[in-house]
Amino acid sequence: MTKIRKIFAWVVIVAILTVGVFIILKGKEQKIDYALTPVTRGTLTQTVSANGKYLSKEEANISFRISGQVTDVKVNIGDKVRKGQIMASVDTGTLSDKLQQAKEQVTAQKKILAYQKEKDDLYEKEQRDSQKAVIRGAESVVEEINKQFAYAIIKAPMDGIVAERNINIGEIAQAGNPAFTIIKENEMRIEVKVPEVDIADVEIGQKVGVKFDAYPENKRFEAVITEIDPAPITVQNVVYYVVKMRIENPDAGLKYGMSCTIYDQTNQKDNILIIPKWAIEKEGDKKFVTIMTDTEKKSVERKEVQIGIEGDGGIAEVISGLKDGDQIATEK
């Protein structure tokens, strides 16, 4: 009798656990809730955008050809300069002493040659030719030191305006590092780097919209593409082409080096089925969207879809698999 009671007790316990699990699972099913997004018809646009800068059509980066401490800076940003004007200089150190010594060496070697010519009977032609070579070597030293003096001075290579200044008196200027940038202010343009995947949609003569970071969002400019560099450049393993354009409606407030973004609408489709791109699930080459099939039972179905073009604002075209009015379901 005791054994039967034990079996009965275990049966009751198992039944209670089973019912409890069922209630818990049913409760979980009932708790699932979905956010619904309708599949609608609308207009989808594709826009190519790229970041650029407002630069001069003609500009020059100027640097010292020797390193040294900056001893003089004669111009500042915004100053107008003329071609050949001295802009800055670096310390020439002991160059003056070296030049004097080099000149004295040339004089001394010329005196030796003069003596050899005077004592023609004591010196062979080969000896005099050798002495002439020594003189040429001494003269080349003088020329090189004179070049060093010239390299210690920066002169403006063209008429223009100083757009950038990167040196100050007392600093050490490194040879080859830009000390100044001179621009032609009346010949400005925009330069942008367009990714290789978008360059096919860009052509000379094309008009684009321009938004400068320094201006309000509603302030837009119009530009015309004038040049597309034939050779690509690679930045962090991405291939770009430099595109240059002229602003059609310039503003006095535009300054050299300002950052901007160019926009160009390359495609538009009207009255097509559209869905948000975030709703698309990818599995290999296939794409799926989960839709609500019964709002009362909260039943959903995962449907394979064919997607067309993807446009601005995170919107994608639906070619097949969905219909107008379907409800995209995502768990809340």
C-alpha atoms as a PDB file:
ATOM      1  CA  MET A   1       0.000   0.000   0.000  1.00  0.00           C
ATOM      2  CA  THR A   2       2.862   2.314   0.827  1.00  0.00           C
ATOM      3  CA  LYS A   3       4.486   1.627  -2.559  1.00  0.00           C
ATOM      4  CA  ILE A   4       1.251   2.528  -4.397  1.00  0.00           C
ATOM      5  CA  ARG A   5       1.034   5.793  -2.462  1.00  0.00           C
ATOM      6  CA  LYS A   6       4.586   6.677  -3.446  1.00  0.00           C
ATOM      7  CA  ILE A   7       3.894   5.996  -7.144  1.00  0.00           C
ATOM      8  CA  PHE A   8       0.712   8.074  -6.959  1.00  0.00           C
ATOM      9  CA  ALA A   9       2.622  10.937  -5.340  1.00  0.00           C
ATOM     10  CA  TRP A  10       5.239  10.936  -8.082  1.00  0.00           C
ATOM     11  CA  VAL A  11       2.519  10.955 -10.748  1.00  0.00           C
ATOM     12  CA  VAL A  12       0.933  13.985  -9.109  1.00  0.00           C
ATOM     13  CA  ILE A  13       4.288  15.805  -8.911  1.00  0.00           C
ATOM     14  CA  VAL A  14       5.062  15.147 -12.588  1.00  0.00           C
ATOM     15  CA  ALA A  15       1.572  16.316 -13.590  1.00  0.00           C
ATOM     16  CA  ILE A  16       1.974  19.505 -11.601  1.00  0.00           C
ATOM     17  CA  LEU A  17       5.387  20.221 -13.164  1.00  0.00           C
ATOM     18  CA  THR A  18       4.062  19.550 -16.675  1.00  0.00           C
ATOM     19  CA  VAL A  19       1.141  21.917 -16.161  1.00  0.00           C
ATOM     20  CA  GLY A  20       3.474  24.518 -14.706  1.00  0.00           C
ATOM     21  CA  VAL A  21       5.873  24.336 -17.658  1.00  0.00           C
ATOM     22  CA  PHE A  22       2.931  24.563 -20.063  1.00  0.00           C
ATOM     23  CA  ILE A  23       1.600  27.643 -18.306  1.00  0.00           C
ATOM     24  CA  ILE A  24       5.043  29.280 -18.299  1.00  0.00           C
ATOM     25  CA  LEU A  25       5.633  28.589 -22.008  1.00  0.00           C
ATOM     26  CA  LYS A  26       2.138  29.742 -22.912  1.00  0.00           C
ATOM     27  CA  GLY A  27       2.693  32.883 -20.915  1.00  0.00           C
ATOM     28  CA  LYS A  28       5.929  33.533 -22.790  1.00  0.00           C
ATOM     29  CA  GLU A  29       4.224  33.056 -26.146  1.00  0.00           C
ATOM     30  CA  GLN A  30       1.542  35.540 -25.161  1.00  0.00           C
ATOM     31  CA  LYS A  31       4.154  38.081 -24.124  1.00  0.00           C
ATOM     32  CA  ILE A  32       5.725  38.320 -27.626  1.00  0.00           C
ATOM     33  CA  ASP A  33       4.834  41.664 -29.125  1.00  0.00           C
ATOM     34  CA  TYR A  34       5.690  43.095 -32.509  1.00  0.00           C
ATOM     35  CA  ALA A  35       6.231  46.526 -33.975  1.00  0.00           C
ATOM     36  CA  LEU A  36       4.617  46.807 -37.389  1.00  0.00           C
ATOM     37  CA  THR A  37       5.908  48.783 -40.361  1.00  0.00           C
ATOM     38  CA  PRO A  38       3.731  48.862 -43.495  1.00  0.00           C
ATOM     39  CA  VAL A  39       5.011  48.109 -46.968  1.00  0.00           C
ATOM     40  CA  THR A  40       4.059  51.208 -48.972  1.00  0.00           C
ATOM     41  CA  ARG A  41       4.406  52.790 -52.365  1.00  0.00           C
ATOM     42  CA  GLY A  42       6.502  55.893 -52.767  1.00  0.00           C
ATOM     43  CA  THR A  43       9.422  57.649 -54.391  1.00  0.00           C
ATOM     44  CA  LEU A  44      12.994  56.463 -53.962  1.00  0.00           C
ATOM     45  CA  THR A  45      16.006  58.600 -54.830  1.00  0.00           C
ATOM     46  CA  GLN A  46      19.702  57.800 -55.030  1.00  0.00           C
ATOM     47  CA  THR A  47      22.188  60.567 -54.293  1.00  0.00           C
ATOM     48  CA  VAL A  48      25.955  60.531 -54.679  1.00  0.00           C
ATOM     49  CA  SER A  49      27.650  62.558 -51.959  1.00  0.00           C
ATOM     50  CA  ALA A  50      31.316  63.263 -51.259  1.00  0.00           C
ATOM     51  CA  ASN A  51      33.306  65.470 -48.917  1.00  0.00           C
ATOM     52  CA  GLY A  52      35.497  68.203 -50.341  1.00  0.00           C
ATOM     53  CA  LYS A  53      37.311  71.463 -49.722  1.00  0.00           C
ATOM     54  CA  TYR A  54      37.218  74.959 -51.142  1.00  0.00           C
ATOM     55  CA  LEU A  55      40.645  75.470 -52.697  1.00  0.00           C
ATOM     56  CA  SER A  56      42.390  77.711 -55.165  1.00  0.00           C
ATOM     57  CA  LYS A  57      42.694  76.732 -58.806  1.00  0.00           C
ATOM     58  CA  GLU A  58      46.319  77.812 -58.577  1.00  0.00           C
ATOM     59  CA  GLU A  59      48.208  77.516 -55.310  1.00  0.00           C
ATOM     60  CA  ALA A  60      51.743  76.846 -54.160  1.00  0.00           C
ATOM     61  CA  ASN A  61      53.139  75.202 -51.045  1.00  0.00           C
ATOM     62  CA  ILE A  62      56.509  76.777 -50.228  1.00  0.00           C
ATOM     63  CA  SER A  63      59.199  75.252 -48.054  1.00  0.00           C
ATOM     64  CA  PHE A  64      62.847  75.793 -47.151  1.00  0.00           C
ATOM     65  CA  ARG A  65      65.387  73.591 -48.890  1.00  0.00           C
ATOM     66  CA  ILE A  66      67.561  73.452 -45.788  1.00  0.00           C
ATOM     67  CA  SER A  67      66.646  73.002 -42.130  1.00  0.00           C
ATOM     68  CA  GLY A  68      67.402  75.724 -39.616  1.00  0.00           C
ATOM     69  CA  GLN A  69      66.135  78.119 -36.988  1.00  0.00           C
ATOM     70  CA  VAL A  70      63.698  80.696 -38.352  1.00  0.00           C
ATOM     71  CA  THR A  71      65.227  84.144 -38.003  1.00  0.00           C
ATOM     72  CA  ASP A  72      62.718  86.271 -39.906  1.00  0.00           C
ATOM     73  CA  VAL A  73      59.083  86.037 -41.095  1.00  0.00           C
ATOM     74  CA  LYS A  74      57.954  88.963 -43.218  1.00  0.00           C
ATOM     75  CA  VAL A  75      54.363  87.960 -44.122  1.00  0.00           C
ATOM     76  CA  ASN A  76      51.224  86.709 -42.409  1.00  0.00           C
ATOM     77  CA  ILE A  77      47.971  85.018 -43.408  1.00  0.00           C
ATOM     78  CA  GLY A  78      45.939  87.267 -45.709  1.00  0.00           C
ATOM     79  CA  ASP A  79      48.903  89.325 -46.901  1.00  0.00           C
ATOM     80  CA  LYS A  80      49.280  89.936 -50.619  1.00  0.00           C
ATOM     81  CA  VAL A  81      52.687  89.002 -52.038  1.00  0.00           C
ATOM     82  CA  ARG A  82      54.447  89.606 -55.337  1.00  0.00           C
ATOM     83  CA  LYS A  83      56.518  87.092 -57.229  1.00  0.00           C
ATOM     84  CA  GLY A  84      60.108  87.124 -55.954  1.00  0.00           C
ATOM     85  CA  GLN A  85      59.220  88.813 -52.646  1.00  0.00           C
ATOM     86  CA  ILE A  86      61.195  87.512 -49.639  1.00  0.00           C
ATOM     87  CA  MET A  87      58.824  85.857 -47.166  1.00  0.00           C
ATOM     88  CA  ALA A  88      61.068  84.288 -44.502  1.00  0.00           C
ATOM     89  CA  SER A  89      64.605  83.137 -43.736  1.00  0.00           C
ATOM     90  CA  VAL A  90      66.473  80.680 -41.517  1.00  0.00           C
ATOM     91  CA  ASP A  91      69.810  81.025 -39.746  1.00  0.00           C
ATOM     92  CA  THR A  92      72.752  80.416 -42.066  1.00  0.00           C
ATOM     93  CA  GLY A  93      75.027  79.528 -39.163  1.00  0.00           C
ATOM     94  CA  THR A  94      78.696  79.385 -40.156  1.00  0.00           C
ATOM     95  CA  LEU A  95      78.041  79.618 -43.896  1.00  0.00           C
ATOM     96  CA  SER A  96      79.688  83.056 -44.119  1.00  0.00           C
ATOM     97  CA  ASP A  97      82.957  81.759 -42.655  1.00  0.00           C
ATOM     98  CA  LYS A  98      82.814  78.689 -44.899  1.00  0.00           C
ATOM     99  CA  LEU A  99      82.234  80.871 -47.948  1.00  0.00           C
ATOM    100  CA  GLN A 100      85.223  83.073 -47.111  1.00  0.00           C
ATOM    101  CA  GLN A 101      87.432  80.020 -46.658  1.00  0.00           C
ATOM    102  CA  ALA A 102      86.208  78.499 -49.920  1.00  0.00           C
ATOM    103  CA  LYS A 103      86.958  81.714 -51.846  1.00  0.00           C
ATOM    104  CA  GLU A 104      90.412  81.892 -50.333  1.00  0.00           C
ATOM    105  CA  GLN A 105      91.018  78.312 -51.414  1.00  0.00           C
ATOM    106  CA  VAL A 106      90.053  79.183 -55.005  1.00  0.00           C
ATOM    107  CA  THR A 107      92.462  82.153 -54.956  1.00  0.00           C
ATOM    108  CA  ALA A 108      95.272  79.986 -53.596  1.00  0.00           C
ATOM    109  CA  GLN A 109      94.782  77.262 -56.198  1.00  0.00           C
ATOM    110  CA  LYS A 110      94.711  79.817 -59.018  1.00  0.00           C
ATOM    111  CA  LYS A 111      98.032  81.222 -57.801  1.00  0.00           C
ATOM    112  CA  ILE A 112      99.507  77.729 -57.982  1.00  0.00           C
ATOM    113  CA  LEU A 113      98.321  77.374 -61.581  1.00  0.00           C
ATOM    114  CA  ALA A 114      99.730  80.780 -62.467  1.00  0.00           C
ATOM    115  CA  TYR A 115     103.098  79.725 -61.040  1.00  0.00           C
ATOM    116  CA  GLN A 116     102.986  76.494 -63.049  1.00  0.00           C
ATOM    117  CA  LYS A 117     102.362  78.447 -66.221  1.00  0.00           C
ATOM    118  CA  GLU A 118     105.180  80.859 -65.376  1.00  0.00           C
ATOM    119  CA  LYS A 119     107.567  77.956 -64.826  1.00  0.00           C
ATOM    120  CA  ASP A 120     106.465  76.187 -67.924  1.00  0.00           C
ATOM    121  CA  ASP A 121     109.720  74.316 -68.226  1.00  0.00           C
ATOM    122  CA  LEU A 122     109.288  72.727 -64.794  1.00  0.00           C
ATOM    123  CA  TYR A 123     105.696  71.435 -65.158  1.00  0.00           C
ATOM    124  CA  GLU A 124     104.132  69.047 -67.647  1.00  0.00           C
ATOM    125  CA  LYS A 125     100.796  69.722 -69.331  1.00  0.00           C
ATOM    126  CA  GLU A 126      99.206  66.907 -67.287  1.00  0.00           C
ATOM    127  CA  GLN A 127     100.235  68.689 -64.080  1.00  0.00           C
ATOM    128  CA  ARG A 128      98.668  71.939 -65.197  1.00  0.00           C
ATOM    129  CA  ASP A 129      95.457  70.125 -66.266  1.00  0.00           C
ATOM    130  CA  SER A 130      95.334  68.454 -62.866  1.00  0.00           C
ATOM    131  CA  GLN A 131      95.663  71.828 -61.163  1.00  0.00           C
ATOM    132  CA  LYS A 132      92.823  73.200 -63.277  1.00  0.00           C
ATOM    133  CA  ALA A 133      90.645  70.339 -62.017  1.00  0.00           C
ATOM    134  CA  VAL A 134      91.557  71.278 -58.441  1.00  0.00           C
ATOM    135  CA  ILE A 135      90.460  74.854 -59.138  1.00  0.00           C
ATOM    136  CA  ARG A 136      87.133  73.677 -60.579  1.00  0.00           C
ATOM    137  CA  GLY A 137      86.559  71.628 -57.454  1.00  0.00           C
ATOM    138  CA  ALA A 138      87.264  74.619 -55.209  1.00  0.00           C
ATOM    139  CA  GLU A 139      84.928  76.798 -57.294  1.00  0.00           C
ATOM    140  CA  SER A 140      82.149  74.176 -57.017  1.00  0.00           C
ATOM    141  CA  VAL A 141      82.434  74.416 -53.225  1.00  0.00           C
ATOM    142  CA  VAL A 142      81.867  78.180 -53.467  1.00  0.00           C
ATOM    143  CA  GLU A 143      78.842  77.601 -55.719  1.00  0.00           C
ATOM    144  CA  GLU A 144      77.375  75.052 -53.298  1.00  0.00           C
ATOM    145  CA  ILE A 145      77.742  77.419 -50.327  1.00  0.00           C
ATOM    146  CA  ASN A 146      76.084  80.207 -52.309  1.00  0.00           C
ATOM    147  CA  LYS A 147      73.191  77.813 -53.009  1.00  0.00           C
ATOM    148  CA  GLN A 148      72.900  77.169 -49.282  1.00  0.00           C
ATOM    149  CA  PHE A 149      72.487  80.922 -48.758  1.00  0.00           C
ATOM    150  CA  ALA A 150      69.740  80.966 -51.398  1.00  0.00           C
ATOM    151  CA  TYR A 151      68.060  77.926 -49.822  1.00  0.00           C
ATOM    152  CA  ALA A 152      67.915  79.741 -46.477  1.00  0.00           C
ATOM    153  CA  ILE A 153      65.478  82.279 -47.949  1.00  0.00           C
ATOM    154  CA  ILE A 154      61.887  81.695 -49.099  1.00  0.00           C
ATOM    155  CA  LYS A 155      60.654  83.835 -51.981  1.00  0.00           C
ATOM    156  CA  ALA A 156      57.125  83.985 -53.362  1.00  0.00           C
ATOM    157  CA  PRO A 157      56.960  81.928 -56.584  1.00  0.00           C
ATOM    158  CA  MET A 158      53.957  83.886 -57.871  1.00  0.00           C
ATOM    159  CA  ASP A 159      51.647  86.797 -57.124  1.00  0.00           C
ATOM    160  CA  GLY A 160      48.958  85.822 -54.648  1.00  0.00           C
ATOM    161  CA  ILE A 161      47.663  85.823 -51.091  1.00  0.00           C
ATOM    162  CA  VAL A 162      49.141  83.983 -48.116  1.00  0.00           C
ATOM    163  CA  ALA A 163      46.536  81.351 -47.168  1.00  0.00           C
ATOM    164  CA  GLU A 164      48.585  79.372 -44.643  1.00  0.00           C
ATOM    165  CA  ARG A 165      51.598  80.105 -42.447  1.00  0.00           C
ATOM    166  CA  ASN A 166      53.209  77.245 -40.550  1.00  0.00           C
ATOM    167  CA  ILE A 167      56.377  78.814 -39.110  1.00  0.00           C
ATOM    168  CA  ASN A 168      57.279  81.346 -36.421  1.00  0.00           C
ATOM    169  CA  ILE A 169      60.501  83.107 -35.482  1.00  0.00           C
ATOM    170  CA  GLY A 170      62.666  80.924 -33.252  1.00  0.00           C
ATOM    171  CA  GLU A 171      61.207  77.613 -34.417  1.00  0.00           C
ATOM    172  CA  ILE A 172      63.229  75.026 -36.321  1.00  0.00           C
ATOM    173  CA  ALA A 173      62.010  74.797 -39.903  1.00  0.00           C
ATOM    174  CA  GLN A 174      62.468  71.379 -41.485  1.00  0.00           C
ATOM    175  CA  ALA A 175      63.561  71.204 -45.106  1.00  0.00           C
ATOM    176  CA  GLY A 176      60.679  70.186 -47.351  1.00  0.00           C
ATOM    177  CA  ASN A 177      57.897  70.908 -44.836  1.00  0.00           C
ATOM    178  CA  PRO A 178      55.436  73.534 -46.153  1.00  0.00           C
ATOM    179  CA  ALA A 179      56.095  76.875 -44.484  1.00  0.00           C
ATOM    180  CA  PHE A 180      53.509  78.869 -46.461  1.00  0.00           C
ATOM    181  CA  THR A 181      50.678  78.328 -48.921  1.00  0.00           C
ATOM    182  CA  ILE A 182      50.025  81.023 -51.525  1.00  0.00           C
ATOM    183  CA  ILE A 183      46.785  81.067 -53.515  1.00  0.00           C
ATOM    184  CA  LYS A 184      45.137  82.959 -56.346  1.00  0.00           C
ATOM    185  CA  GLU A 185      42.060  84.165 -54.452  1.00  0.00           C
ATOM    186  CA  ASN A 186      40.087  85.148 -57.539  1.00  0.00           C
ATOM    187  CA  GLU A 187      40.346  81.613 -58.992  1.00  0.00           C
ATOM    188  CA  MET A 188      38.723  79.297 -56.445  1.00  0.00           C
ATOM    189  CA  ARG A 189      37.210  75.845 -56.895  1.00  0.00           C
ATOM    190  CA  ILE A 190      35.985  72.795 -54.990  1.00  0.00           C
ATOM    191  CA  GLU A 191      37.925  69.542 -54.954  1.00  0.00           C
ATOM    192  CA  VAL A 192      36.339  66.297 -53.791  1.00  0.00           C
ATOM    193  CA  LYS A 193      37.419  62.662 -53.703  1.00  0.00           C
ATOM    194  CA  VAL A 194      34.726  60.487 -55.297  1.00  0.00           C
ATOM    195  CA  PRO A 195      34.860  56.717 -54.580  1.00  0.00           C
ATOM    196  CA  GLU A 196      35.497  54.443 -57.542  1.00  0.00           C
ATOM    197  CA  VAL A 197      32.033  52.862 -57.169  1.00  0.00           C
ATOM    198  CA  ASP A 198      30.358  56.251 -57.791  1.00  0.00           C
ATOM    199  CA  ILE A 199      32.634  57.793 -60.415  1.00  0.00           C
ATOM    200  CA  ALA A 200      30.581  56.364 -63.327  1.00  0.00           C
ATOM    201  CA  ASP A 201      27.741  58.702 -62.285  1.00  0.00           C
ATOM    202  CA  VAL A 202      29.968  61.798 -62.493  1.00  0.00           C
ATOM    203  CA  GLU A 203      30.695  63.702 -65.710  1.00  0.00           C
ATOM    204  CA  ILE A 204      32.100  67.057 -66.822  1.00  0.00           C
ATOM    205  CA  GLY A 205      29.442  69.751 -67.114  1.00  0.00           C
ATOM    206  CA  GLN A 206      27.228  68.111 -64.516  1.00  0.00           C
ATOM    207  CA  LYS A 207      25.625  70.404 -61.935  1.00  0.00           C
ATOM    208  CA  VAL A 208      25.693  69.441 -58.248  1.00  0.00           C
ATOM    209  CA  GLY A 209      24.505  70.897 -54.968  1.00  0.00           C
ATOM    210  CA  VAL A 210      27.022  72.038 -52.347  1.00  0.00           C
ATOM    211  CA  LYS A 211      26.626  72.432 -48.582  1.00  0.00           C
ATOM    212  CA  PHE A 212      29.439  74.133 -46.635  1.00  0.00           C
ATOM    213  CA  ASP A 213      29.936  73.060 -43.013  1.00  0.00           C
ATOM    214  CA  ALA A 214      30.269  76.700 -41.938  1.00  0.00           C
ATOM    215  CA  TYR A 215      26.837  77.657 -43.358  1.00  0.00           C
ATOM    216  CA  PRO A 216      23.300  76.851 -42.116  1.00  0.00           C
ATOM    217  CA  GLU A 217      21.665  73.662 -43.408  1.00  0.00           C
ATOM    218  CA  ASN A 218      19.299  75.577 -45.675  1.00  0.00           C
ATOM    219  CA  LYS A 219      22.105  77.537 -47.349  1.00  0.00           C
ATOM    220  CA  ARG A 220      23.065  75.660 -50.509  1.00  0.00           C
ATOM    221  CA  PHE A 221      25.312  76.477 -53.451  1.00  0.00           C
ATOM    222  CA  GLU A 222      25.459  75.150 -56.994  1.00  0.00           C
ATOM    223  CA  ALA A 223      28.621  73.960 -58.718  1.00  0.00           C
ATOM    224  CA  VAL A 224      29.564  72.635 -62.148  1.00  0.00           C
ATOM    225  CA  ILE A 225      32.075  69.818 -62.598  1.00  0.00           C
ATOM    226  CA  THR A 226      35.021  71.062 -64.678  1.00  0.00           C
ATOM    227  CA  GLU A 227      37.666  68.348 -64.314  1.00  0.00           C
ATOM    228  CA  ILE A 228      37.970  64.669 -63.374  1.00  0.00           C
ATOM    229  CA  ASP A 229      41.528  63.536 -62.740  1.00  0.00           C
ATOM    230  CA  PRO A 230      42.246  60.507 -64.965  1.00  0.00           C
ATOM    231  CA  ALA A 231      44.569  58.852 -62.442  1.00  0.00           C
ATOM    232  CA  PRO A 232      43.055  57.395 -59.254  1.00  0.00           C
ATOM    233  CA  ILE A 233      44.410  57.767 -55.747  1.00  0.00           C
ATOM    234  CA  THR A 234      44.183  55.191 -52.955  1.00  0.00           C
ATOM    235  CA  VAL A 235      43.354  56.155 -49.377  1.00  0.00           C
ATOM    236  CA  GLN A 236      43.212  53.349 -46.778  1.00  0.00           C
ATOM    237  CA  ASN A 237      42.755  50.754 -49.538  1.00  0.00           C
ATOM    238  CA  VAL A 238      39.820  52.645 -51.085  1.00  0.00           C
ATOM    239  CA  VAL A 239      40.203  53.950 -54.648  1.00  0.00           C
ATOM    240  CA  TYR A 240      39.119  57.545 -55.299  1.00  0.00           C
ATOM    241  CA  TYR A 241      39.133  60.002 -58.204  1.00  0.00           C
ATOM    242  CA  VAL A 242      39.681  63.725 -57.589  1.00  0.00           C
ATOM    243  CA  VAL A 243      36.837  65.772 -59.083  1.00  0.00           C
ATOM    244  CA  LYS A 244      37.132  69.551 -59.485  1.00  0.00           C
ATOM    245  CA  MET A 245      34.233  71.955 -59.839  1.00  0.00           C
ATOM    246  CA  ARG A 246      33.440  75.646 -60.120  1.00  0.00           C
ATOM    247  CA  ILE A 247      30.829  77.336 -57.882  1.00  0.00           C
ATOM    248  CA  GLU A 248      28.157  79.086 -59.922  1.00  0.00           C
ATOM    249  CA  ASN A 249      26.866  81.322 -57.111  1.00  0.00           C
ATOM    250  CA  PRO A 250      29.894  82.131 -54.918  1.00  0.00           C
ATOM    251  CA  ASP A 251      29.561  84.042 -51.672  1.00  0.00           C
ATOM    252  CA  ALA A 252      31.985  86.572 -50.197  1.00  0.00           C
ATOM    253  CA  GLY A 253      31.990  84.543 -46.992  1.00  0.00           C
ATOM    254  CA  LEU A 254      33.583  81.480 -48.606  1.00  0.00           C
ATOM    255  CA  LYS A 255      37.170  81.074 -47.452  1.00  0.00           C
ATOM    256  CA  TYR A 256      40.100  78.979 -48.583  1.00  0.00           C
ATOM    257  CA  GLY A 257      40.150  75.523 -47.000  1.00  0.00           C
ATOM    258  CA  MET A 258      36.470  75.434 -45.973  1.00  0.00           C
ATOM    259  CA  SER A 259      35.005  71.914 -45.796  1.00  0.00           C
ATOM    260  CA  CYS A 260      31.911  71.051 -47.801  1.00  0.00           C
ATOM    261  CA  THR A 261      29.758  68.183 -49.058  1.00  0.00           C
ATOM    262  CA  ILE A 262      28.560  67.829 -52.632  1.00  0.00           C
ATOM    263  CA  TYR A 263      25.264  66.157 -53.512  1.00  0.00           C
ATOM    264  CA  ASP A 264      24.038  64.826 -56.848  1.00  0.00           C
ATOM    265  CA  GLN A 265      20.802  62.925 -57.449  1.00  0.00           C
ATOM    266  CA  THR A 266      21.696  60.088 -59.819  1.00  0.00           C
ATOM    267  CA  ASN A 267      18.478  58.028 -59.856  1.00  0.00           C
ATOM    268  CA  GLN A 268      14.811  58.317 -58.951  1.00  0.00           C
ATOM    269  CA  LYS A 269      11.915  55.856 -59.103  1.00  0.00           C
ATOM    270  CA  ASP A 270       8.304  56.815 -58.441  1.00  0.00           C
ATOM    271  CA  ASN A 271       5.310  54.731 -57.274  1.00  0.00           C
ATOM    272  CA  ILE A 272       7.337  51.684 -56.266  1.00  0.00           C
ATOM    273  CA  LEU A 273       7.136  49.365 -53.253  1.00  0.00           C
ATOM    274  CA  ILE A 274       9.583  50.547 -50.607  1.00  0.00           C
ATOM    275  CA  ILE A 275      10.705  49.221 -47.244  1.00  0.00           C
ATOM    276  CA  PRO A 276      13.383  50.261 -44.729  1.00  0.00           C
ATOM    277  CA  LYS A 277      16.727  48.568 -45.341  1.00  0.00           C
ATOM    278  CA  TRP A 278      17.004  47.559 -41.688  1.00  0.00           C
ATOM    279  CA  ALA A 279      14.078  45.160 -42.166  1.00  0.00           C
ATOM    280  CA  ILE A 280      16.009  43.046 -44.679  1.00  0.00           C
ATOM    281  CA  GLU A 281      17.689  39.899 -43.363  1.00  0.00           C
ATOM    282  CA  LYS A 282      20.481  38.390 -45.446  1.00  0.00           C
ATOM    283  CA  GLU A 283      21.402  34.735 -45.694  1.00  0.00           C
ATOM    284  CA  GLY A 284      24.106  34.201 -48.292  1.00  0.00           C
ATOM    285  CA  ASP A 285      22.761  35.523 -51.590  1.00  0.00           C
ATOM    286  CA  LYS A 286      19.157  35.464 -50.403  1.00  0.00           C
ATOM    287  CA  LYS A 287      17.203  38.197 -48.642  1.00  0.00           C
ATOM    288  CA  PHE A 288      14.210  37.815 -46.320  1.00  0.00           C
ATOM    289  CA  VAL A 289      11.621  39.988 -44.575  1.00  0.00           C
ATOM    290  CA  THR A 290       9.414  38.927 -41.647  1.00  0.00           C
ATOM    291  CA  ILE A 291       5.766  39.962 -42.028  1.00  0.00           C
ATOM    292  CA  MET A 292       2.689  39.682 -39.814  1.00  0.00           C
ATOM    293  CA  THR A 293       0.139  37.176 -41.198  1.00  0.00           C
ATOM    294  CA  ASP A 294      -2.434  37.282 -38.372  1.00  0.00           C
ATOM    295  CA  THR A 295      -2.605  40.275 -36.058  1.00  0.00           C
ATOM    296  CA  GLU A 296      -4.950  38.554 -33.576  1.00  0.00           C
ATOM    297  CA  LYS A 297      -2.855  35.413 -33.216  1.00  0.00           C
ATOM    298  CA  LYS A 298       0.291  37.423 -33.780  1.00  0.00           C
ATOM    299  CA  SER A 299       1.506  34.941 -36.353  1.00  0.00           C
ATOM    300  CA  VAL A 300       4.449  35.894 -38.517  1.00  0.00           C
ATOM    301  CA  GLU A 301       6.032  34.526 -41.665  1.00  0.00           C
ATOM    302  CA  ARG A 302       9.512  34.938 -43.084  1.00  0.00           C
ATOM    303  CA  LYS A 303       9.322  35.661 -46.823  1.00  0.00           C
ATOM    304  CA  GLU A 304      12.081  35.730 -49.420  1.00  0.00           C
ATOM    305  CA  VAL A 305      12.214  39.022 -51.314  1.00  0.00           C
ATOM    306  CA  GLN A 306      13.999  40.473 -54.311  1.00  0.00           C
ATOM    307  CA  ILE A 307      15.451  43.938 -53.681  1.00  0.00           C
ATOM    308  CA  GLY A 308      16.094  46.552 -56.376  1.00  0.00           C
ATOM    309  CA  ILE A 309      17.957  49.819 -55.884  1.00  0.00           C
ATOM    310  CA  GLU A 310      18.798  51.198 -52.465  1.00  0.00           C
ATOM    311  CA  GLY A 311      18.227  54.902 -51.976  1.00  0.00           C
ATOM    312  CA  ASP A 312      18.665  57.767 -49.569  1.00  0.00           C
ATOM    313  CA  GLY A 313      17.305  57.663 -46.044  1.00  0.00           C
ATOM    314  CA  GLY A 314      17.826  53.914 -45.627  1.00  0.00           C
ATOM    315  CA  ILE A 315      15.070  52.968 -48.120  1.00  0.00           C
ATOM    316  CA  ALA A 316      15.123  49.979 -50.516  1.00  0.00           C
ATOM    317  CA  GLU A 317      12.980  49.024 -53.518  1.00  0.00           C
ATOM    318  CA  VAL A 318      11.021  45.732 -53.368  1.00  0.00           C
ATOM    319  CA  ILE A 319      10.770  43.998 -56.738  1.00  0.00           C
ATOM    320  CA  SER A 320       9.009  40.802 -55.581  1.00  0.00           C
ATOM    321  CA  GLY A 321       8.022  38.881 -52.470  1.00  0.00           C
ATOM    322  CA  LEU A 322       5.865  41.550 -50.811  1.00  0.00           C
ATOM    323  CA  LYS A 323       2.754  43.513 -51.694  1.00  0.00           C
ATOM    324  CA  ASP A 324       1.368  46.901 -50.828  1.00  0.00           C
ATOM    325  CA  GLY A 325      -0.151  46.771 -47.333  1.00  0.00           C
ATOM    326  CA  ASP A 326       1.946  43.928 -45.937  1.00  0.00           C
ATOM    327  CA  GLN A 327       3.071  44.594 -42.383  1.00  0.00           C
ATOM    328  CA  ILE A 328       6.744  44.111 -41.542  1.00  0.00           C
ATOM    329  CA  ALA A 329       7.014  42.604 -38.046  1.00  0.00           C
ATOM    330  CA  THR A 330       9.892  43.177 -35.686  1.00  0.00           C
ATOM    331  CA  GLU A 331       9.961  42.117 -32.056  1.00  0.00           C
ATOM    332  CA  LYS A 332       9.662  44.973 -29.612  1.00  0.00           C
END
